[in-house]
Amino acid sequence: MGMIRPATLEDTESLIPLMKDLGYPTKREHLYKRLEKLLSHRDYHLWLYVRKDSSPIGFVGFIHQLAFKKMNHTFESQPWRSMPVSEEKELVLNFFKR
């Protein structure tokens, strides 16, 4: 089973294949700068779901607004979207619903 954890700048390289799979191909330098900007913002939170081998298969970003917390986007790899619902997938989905 994988795990859910906060994203870091060290995730830049491993996120490139996922971004391409999602239809957002990008260069390492561009993604690094984007992550640097997002992760330095105190009201923005980026969480990854990673497999045992540390490869990310999905992520979600949250931004705190004055009155509430808003999920502004979620992205998942193609294999994850087509995976049947399992205990692992249910755990991840429930985590992001809170």
N, C-alpha and C. Protein backbone atom coordinates (compact mmCIF):
# COMPACT_ATOMS: atom_id res chain seq x y z
N MET A 1 0.85 -1.18 0.00
CA MET A 1 0.00 0.00 0.00
C MET A 1 0.89 1.24 0.00
N GLY A 2 0.45 2.27 -0.66
CA GLY A 2 1.19 3.51 -0.72
C GLY A 2 0.89 4.40 0.47
N MET A 3 1.21 5.66 0.30
CA MET A 3 0.96 6.61 1.39
C MET A 3 0.63 7.99 0.84
N ILE A 4 -0.02 8.79 1.67
CA ILE A 4 -0.34 10.17 1.35
C ILE A 4 0.63 11.03 2.14
N ARG A 5 1.26 11.99 1.45
CA ARG A 5 2.22 12.85 2.14
C ARG A 5 2.28 14.20 1.45
N PRO A 6 2.77 15.20 2.16
CA PRO A 6 2.94 16.51 1.54
C PRO A 6 3.99 16.46 0.43
N ALA A 7 3.77 17.22 -0.61
CA ALA A 7 4.75 17.31 -1.70
C ALA A 7 5.93 18.17 -1.26
N THR A 8 7.09 17.92 -1.88
CA THR A 8 8.29 18.72 -1.63
C THR A 8 8.93 19.04 -2.98
N LEU A 9 9.89 19.93 -2.98
CA LEU A 9 10.61 20.24 -4.21
C LEU A 9 11.36 19.02 -4.74
N GLU A 10 11.72 18.11 -3.85
CA GLU A 10 12.42 16.89 -4.27
C GLU A 10 11.53 15.98 -5.12
N ASP A 11 10.24 16.24 -5.16
CA ASP A 11 9.30 15.44 -5.96
C ASP A 11 9.25 15.88 -7.42
N THR A 12 9.93 16.96 -7.75
CA THR A 12 9.85 17.53 -9.10
C THR A 12 10.07 16.47 -10.18
N GLU A 13 11.18 15.77 -10.12
CA GLU A 13 11.53 14.80 -11.16
C GLU A 13 10.48 13.70 -11.29
N SER A 14 10.00 13.18 -10.16
CA SER A 14 9.05 12.07 -10.20
C SER A 14 7.65 12.52 -10.64
N LEU A 15 7.36 13.81 -10.57
CA LEU A 15 6.05 14.31 -11.01
C LEU A 15 5.97 14.53 -12.53
N ILE A 16 7.11 14.62 -13.19
CA ILE A 16 7.12 14.90 -14.63
C ILE A 16 6.34 13.85 -15.43
N PRO A 17 6.57 12.53 -15.21
CA PRO A 17 5.78 11.54 -15.97
C PRO A 17 4.28 11.62 -15.67
N LEU A 18 3.93 11.89 -14.42
CA LEU A 18 2.52 12.02 -14.07
C LEU A 18 1.89 13.21 -14.78
N MET A 19 2.58 14.34 -14.80
CA MET A 19 2.06 15.52 -15.49
C MET A 19 1.86 15.23 -16.97
N LYS A 20 2.79 14.51 -17.58
CA LYS A 20 2.66 14.15 -18.99
C LYS A 20 1.45 13.25 -19.20
N ASP A 21 1.29 12.25 -18.33
CA ASP A 21 0.15 11.33 -18.40
C ASP A 21 -1.18 12.08 -18.29
N LEU A 22 -1.19 13.15 -17.54
CA LEU A 22 -2.40 13.93 -17.33
C LEU A 22 -2.67 14.94 -18.45
N GLY A 23 -1.74 15.01 -19.41
CA GLY A 23 -1.92 15.93 -20.52
C GLY A 23 -1.29 17.29 -20.31
N TYR A 24 -0.40 17.38 -19.33
CA TYR A 24 0.30 18.63 -19.03
C TYR A 24 1.81 18.43 -19.10
N PRO A 25 2.34 18.08 -20.27
CA PRO A 25 3.79 17.87 -20.35
C PRO A 25 4.53 19.15 -19.95
N THR A 26 5.61 18.98 -19.24
CA THR A 26 6.35 20.14 -18.75
C THR A 26 7.83 19.80 -18.63
N LYS A 27 8.63 20.82 -18.57
CA LYS A 27 10.06 20.64 -18.36
C LYS A 27 10.35 20.74 -16.87
N ARG A 28 11.43 20.08 -16.48
CA ARG A 28 11.80 20.04 -15.06
C ARG A 28 11.91 21.45 -14.46
N GLU A 29 12.57 22.35 -15.17
CA GLU A 29 12.80 23.70 -14.65
C GLU A 29 11.48 24.44 -14.40
N HIS A 30 10.54 24.28 -15.33
CA HIS A 30 9.24 24.95 -15.19
C HIS A 30 8.48 24.38 -14.00
N LEU A 31 8.45 23.05 -13.89
CA LEU A 31 7.72 22.42 -12.79
C LEU A 31 8.36 22.78 -11.45
N TYR A 32 9.68 22.80 -11.40
CA TYR A 32 10.38 23.15 -10.16
C TYR A 32 9.99 24.56 -9.71
N LYS A 33 10.00 25.51 -10.64
CA LYS A 33 9.64 26.89 -10.30
C LYS A 33 8.19 26.98 -9.83
N ARG A 34 7.32 26.24 -10.49
CA ARG A 34 5.90 26.23 -10.12
C ARG A 34 5.72 25.66 -8.71
N LEU A 35 6.37 24.52 -8.44
CA LEU A 35 6.28 23.92 -7.11
C LEU A 35 6.88 24.85 -6.05
N GLU A 36 7.97 25.47 -6.39
CA GLU A 36 8.63 26.38 -5.45
C GLU A 36 7.67 27.50 -5.05
N LYS A 37 6.96 28.04 -6.02
CA LYS A 37 6.00 29.12 -5.76
C LYS A 37 4.83 28.61 -4.92
N LEU A 38 4.26 27.46 -5.30
CA LEU A 38 3.12 26.91 -4.57
C LEU A 38 3.48 26.53 -3.15
N LEU A 39 4.59 25.81 -3.00
CA LEU A 39 4.97 25.29 -1.68
C LEU A 39 5.43 26.38 -0.72
N SER A 40 5.82 27.52 -1.24
CA SER A 40 6.25 28.61 -0.36
C SER A 40 5.07 29.46 0.12
N HIS A 41 3.91 29.24 -0.47
CA HIS A 41 2.71 30.00 -0.08
C HIS A 41 2.11 29.36 1.17
N ARG A 42 1.96 30.13 2.22
CA ARG A 42 1.51 29.55 3.50
C ARG A 42 0.08 29.02 3.47
N ASP A 43 -0.73 29.48 2.54
CA ASP A 43 -2.12 29.03 2.48
C ASP A 43 -2.35 27.92 1.46
N TYR A 44 -1.31 27.47 0.79
CA TYR A 44 -1.46 26.43 -0.23
C TYR A 44 -0.83 25.13 0.26
N HIS A 45 -1.53 24.04 0.03
CA HIS A 45 -1.05 22.72 0.45
C HIS A 45 -1.18 21.75 -0.71
N LEU A 46 -0.13 21.02 -0.97
CA LEU A 46 -0.12 20.05 -2.06
C LEU A 46 0.21 18.68 -1.48
N TRP A 47 -0.69 17.74 -1.65
CA TRP A 47 -0.53 16.38 -1.13
C TRP A 47 -0.37 15.41 -2.29
N LEU A 48 0.50 14.41 -2.09
CA LEU A 48 0.73 13.37 -3.09
C LEU A 48 0.28 12.03 -2.55
N TYR A 49 -0.20 11.18 -3.44
CA TYR A 49 -0.36 9.77 -3.11
C TYR A 49 0.75 9.05 -3.85
N VAL A 50 1.63 8.38 -3.10
CA VAL A 50 2.77 7.70 -3.71
C VAL A 50 2.71 6.21 -3.39
N ARG A 51 3.19 5.43 -4.33
CA ARG A 51 3.28 3.98 -4.14
C ARG A 51 4.50 3.65 -3.29
N LYS A 52 4.66 2.37 -2.97
CA LYS A 52 5.80 1.92 -2.17
C LYS A 52 7.13 2.32 -2.80
N ASP A 53 7.18 2.35 -4.13
CA ASP A 53 8.43 2.72 -4.81
C ASP A 53 8.61 4.24 -4.88
N SER A 54 7.76 4.99 -4.20
CA SER A 54 7.79 6.46 -4.11
C SER A 54 7.30 7.16 -5.37
N SER A 55 6.78 6.43 -6.36
CA SER A 55 6.28 7.09 -7.56
C SER A 55 4.89 7.65 -7.29
N PRO A 56 4.68 8.94 -7.58
CA PRO A 56 3.37 9.54 -7.35
C PRO A 56 2.36 9.09 -8.41
N ILE A 57 1.15 8.78 -7.96
CA ILE A 57 0.10 8.41 -8.91
C ILE A 57 -1.08 9.38 -8.84
N GLY A 58 -0.99 10.35 -7.97
CA GLY A 58 -2.04 11.35 -7.89
C GLY A 58 -1.66 12.45 -6.92
N PHE A 59 -2.31 13.59 -7.07
CA PHE A 59 -2.09 14.68 -6.13
C PHE A 59 -3.32 15.56 -6.04
N VAL A 60 -3.36 16.32 -4.97
CA VAL A 60 -4.47 17.25 -4.75
C VAL A 60 -3.89 18.52 -4.14
N GLY A 61 -4.43 19.65 -4.54
CA GLY A 61 -3.99 20.92 -3.99
C GLY A 61 -5.13 21.59 -3.24
N PHE A 62 -4.80 22.18 -2.11
CA PHE A 62 -5.78 22.91 -1.30
C PHE A 62 -5.29 24.33 -1.08
N ILE A 63 -6.21 25.26 -1.06
CA ILE A 63 -5.85 26.62 -0.69
C ILE A 63 -6.84 27.07 0.39
N HIS A 64 -6.29 27.62 1.47
CA HIS A 64 -7.13 28.15 2.54
C HIS A 64 -7.62 29.53 2.14
N GLN A 65 -8.92 29.70 2.23
CA GLN A 65 -9.51 31.01 1.98
C GLN A 65 -10.08 31.51 3.30
N LEU A 66 -10.49 32.74 3.34
CA LEU A 66 -10.90 33.33 4.61
C LEU A 66 -11.97 32.52 5.34
N ALA A 67 -13.01 32.12 4.67
CA ALA A 67 -14.12 31.48 5.36
C ALA A 67 -14.11 29.96 5.29
N PHE A 68 -13.35 29.38 4.38
CA PHE A 68 -13.41 27.93 4.22
C PHE A 68 -12.18 27.42 3.51
N LYS A 69 -12.08 26.11 3.49
CA LYS A 69 -10.98 25.46 2.79
C LYS A 69 -11.54 24.96 1.46
N LYS A 70 -10.85 25.21 0.38
CA LYS A 70 -11.35 24.85 -0.94
C LYS A 70 -10.34 23.94 -1.64
N MET A 71 -10.84 22.81 -2.16
CA MET A 71 -10.00 21.95 -2.98
C MET A 71 -10.03 22.54 -4.37
N ASN A 72 -8.87 22.92 -4.90
CA ASN A 72 -8.91 23.58 -6.19
C ASN A 72 -8.58 22.66 -7.35
N HIS A 73 -7.99 21.51 -7.10
CA HIS A 73 -7.81 20.56 -8.19
C HIS A 73 -7.32 19.21 -7.68
N THR A 74 -7.64 18.18 -8.42
CA THR A 74 -7.10 16.84 -8.16
C THR A 74 -6.67 16.26 -9.49
N PHE A 75 -5.62 15.50 -9.45
CA PHE A 75 -5.12 14.84 -10.64
C PHE A 75 -4.70 13.43 -10.29
N GLU A 76 -5.00 12.49 -11.17
CA GLU A 76 -4.66 11.09 -10.95
C GLU A 76 -4.10 10.51 -12.23
N SER A 77 -3.19 9.56 -12.08
CA SER A 77 -2.63 8.89 -13.25
C SER A 77 -3.68 7.99 -13.89
N GLN A 78 -3.52 7.68 -15.17
CA GLN A 78 -4.46 6.84 -15.88
C GLN A 78 -4.62 5.46 -15.22
N PRO A 79 -3.53 4.78 -14.84
CA PRO A 79 -3.72 3.48 -14.19
C PRO A 79 -4.56 3.58 -12.92
N TRP A 80 -4.40 4.66 -12.17
CA TRP A 80 -5.16 4.84 -10.93
C TRP A 80 -6.64 5.05 -11.23
N ARG A 81 -6.95 5.85 -12.24
CA ARG A 81 -8.36 6.10 -12.58
C ARG A 81 -9.08 4.83 -12.99
N SER A 82 -8.37 3.93 -13.66
CA SER A 82 -9.02 2.71 -14.15
C SER A 82 -8.94 1.56 -13.14
N MET A 83 -8.26 1.78 -12.01
CA MET A 83 -8.13 0.74 -10.98
C MET A 83 -9.47 0.51 -10.31
N PRO A 84 -9.86 -0.76 -10.10
CA PRO A 84 -11.10 -1.00 -9.38
C PRO A 84 -10.98 -0.48 -7.95
N VAL A 85 -12.09 -0.15 -7.34
CA VAL A 85 -12.06 0.36 -5.97
C VAL A 85 -11.53 -0.75 -5.07
N SER A 86 -10.54 -0.40 -4.29
CA SER A 86 -9.92 -1.34 -3.36
C SER A 86 -9.79 -0.65 -2.01
N GLU A 87 -9.31 -1.37 -1.03
CA GLU A 87 -9.10 -0.77 0.29
C GLU A 87 -8.14 0.41 0.19
N GLU A 88 -7.08 0.25 -0.62
CA GLU A 88 -6.10 1.32 -0.80
C GLU A 88 -6.73 2.54 -1.45
N LYS A 89 -7.47 2.34 -2.52
CA LYS A 89 -8.08 3.46 -3.23
C LYS A 89 -9.13 4.14 -2.34
N GLU A 90 -9.89 3.35 -1.60
CA GLU A 90 -10.90 3.89 -0.69
C GLU A 90 -10.25 4.77 0.38
N LEU A 91 -9.11 4.34 0.91
CA LEU A 91 -8.37 5.11 1.91
C LEU A 91 -7.99 6.48 1.37
N VAL A 92 -7.45 6.50 0.16
CA VAL A 92 -7.03 7.76 -0.45
C VAL A 92 -8.22 8.67 -0.71
N LEU A 93 -9.27 8.12 -1.29
CA LEU A 93 -10.45 8.94 -1.61
C LEU A 93 -11.05 9.55 -0.35
N ASN A 94 -11.13 8.76 0.72
CA ASN A 94 -11.68 9.27 1.97
C ASN A 94 -10.79 10.33 2.60
N PHE A 95 -9.48 10.18 2.47
CA PHE A 95 -8.55 11.18 3.01
C PHE A 95 -8.81 12.54 2.38
N PHE A 96 -8.97 12.56 1.07
CA PHE A 96 -9.12 13.83 0.37
C PHE A 96 -10.53 14.41 0.50
N LYS A 97 -11.49 13.64 0.99
CA LYS A 97 -12.84 14.17 1.19
C LYS A 97 -12.96 14.99 2.47
N ARG A 98 -12.01 14.82 3.41
CA ARG A 98 -12.17 15.54 4.68
C ARG A 98 -11.87 17.00 4.56
